[in-house]
Amino acid sequence: MKIEFEGKEVDTDLAINKWDERTGSKLPTMKPAPLGVQRTLYQWVVGGRCLLVHTSEGQAPRAELVSNDAATHFILANGYELPGWWQYTR
């Protein structure tokens, strides 16, 4: 999927890491997405910054750059394990 971010086209198919939001996050501080919105975290370079993409039927995808802490929280809250290299790049 191609999305617009800060005036540039970004291709999510080229991301090296992708974490989809799962229903029923495991951490109580993780707010669920509004009804009908799916969030996916993408990373294009090992140790690089992550974009959180919000998709909803009938609307253009919206992307936001998230902090390393927010990306870590998203990954863990959705039941994924952090990649082995993650701790060395933060």
Protein backbone atom coordinates (compact mmCIF):
# COMPACT_ATOMS: atom_id res chain seq x y z
CA MET A 1 0.00 0.00 0.00
CA LYS A 2 1.31 3.45 -0.87
CA ILE A 3 0.63 6.25 1.58
CA GLU A 4 1.49 9.93 1.79
CA PHE A 5 3.70 11.02 4.68
CA GLU A 6 5.24 14.48 5.01
CA GLY A 7 4.82 15.15 1.30
CA LYS A 8 6.46 11.90 0.22
CA GLU A 9 5.01 8.63 -1.00
CA VAL A 10 5.86 5.70 1.26
CA ASP A 11 5.35 2.08 0.18
CA THR A 12 4.39 -0.14 3.12
CA ASP A 13 5.18 -3.23 1.03
CA LEU A 14 8.88 -2.31 1.30
CA ALA A 15 8.93 -2.26 5.12
CA ILE A 16 11.27 -4.77 6.76
CA ASN A 17 9.04 -5.09 9.83
CA LYS A 18 5.27 -4.93 10.21
CA TRP A 19 3.19 -5.37 13.35
CA ASP A 20 -0.61 -5.41 13.07
CA GLU A 21 -2.77 -4.27 15.94
CA ARG A 22 -4.50 -7.23 17.57
CA THR A 23 -7.79 -7.06 19.38
CA GLY A 24 -7.60 -7.06 23.16
CA SER A 25 -4.19 -5.53 23.75
CA LYS A 26 -2.32 -6.93 26.73
CA LEU A 27 -1.32 -3.66 28.37
CA PRO A 28 -4.10 -1.61 29.97
CA THR A 29 -2.49 1.70 29.00
CA MET A 30 -2.76 0.90 25.30
CA LYS A 31 -5.87 2.63 24.00
CA PRO A 32 -7.70 0.60 21.37
CA ALA A 33 -8.23 2.13 17.95
CA PRO A 34 -11.65 3.64 17.29
CA LEU A 35 -14.21 1.24 15.84
CA GLY A 36 -13.47 0.51 12.19
CA VAL A 37 -9.86 1.73 12.33
CA GLN A 38 -6.95 -0.69 11.94
CA ARG A 39 -3.47 0.36 13.09
CA THR A 40 -0.27 -1.15 11.76
CA LEU A 41 3.28 -0.28 12.76
CA TYR A 42 5.89 -0.30 9.99
CA GLN A 43 9.67 -0.04 10.04
CA TRP A 44 11.84 0.28 6.93
CA VAL A 45 15.38 0.12 8.36
CA VAL A 46 16.72 -1.96 11.26
CA GLY A 47 16.92 0.42 14.18
CA GLY A 48 15.06 3.09 12.23
CA ARG A 49 12.03 5.09 13.22
CA CYS A 50 8.56 3.62 12.85
CA LEU A 51 5.36 4.86 11.28
CA LEU A 52 1.99 3.97 12.75
CA VAL A 53 -0.54 3.79 9.92
CA HIS A 54 -4.24 4.15 10.61
CA THR A 55 -6.53 2.67 7.96
CA SER A 56 -10.29 2.88 7.76
CA GLU A 57 -12.60 1.86 4.94
CA GLY A 58 -13.59 4.81 2.79
CA GLN A 59 -10.82 7.09 4.07
CA ALA A 60 -7.23 7.70 3.02
CA PRO A 61 -4.66 6.02 5.31
CA ARG A 62 -3.11 8.35 7.89
CA ALA A 63 0.48 7.88 9.08
CA GLU A 64 2.26 9.25 12.11
CA LEU A 65 5.89 9.01 13.15
CA VAL A 66 6.04 7.42 16.59
CA SER A 67 8.74 7.51 19.25
CA ASN A 68 10.83 4.46 20.03
CA ASP A 69 8.99 4.11 23.34
CA ALA A 70 5.59 4.24 21.62
CA ALA A 71 6.72 1.66 19.04
CA THR A 72 8.00 -0.63 21.79
CA HIS A 73 4.73 -0.24 23.68
CA PHE A 74 2.67 -0.99 20.55
CA ILE A 75 4.66 -4.14 19.79
CA LEU A 76 4.45 -5.52 23.33
CA ALA A 77 0.83 -4.47 23.88
CA ASN A 78 -0.19 -6.46 20.86
CA GLY A 79 1.50 -9.66 22.00
CA TYR A 80 4.59 -9.58 19.79
CA GLU A 81 8.14 -10.18 20.96
CA LEU A 82 10.69 -7.49 20.29
CA PRO A 83 13.26 -8.41 17.63
CA GLY A 84 16.60 -9.44 19.16
CA TRP A 85 18.38 -6.36 17.81
CA TRP A 86 15.71 -3.96 19.18
CA GLN A 87 17.36 -3.33 22.57
CA TYR A 88 20.68 -2.44 20.97
CA THR A 89 19.22 0.26 18.72
CA ARG A 90 17.20 2.18 21.32
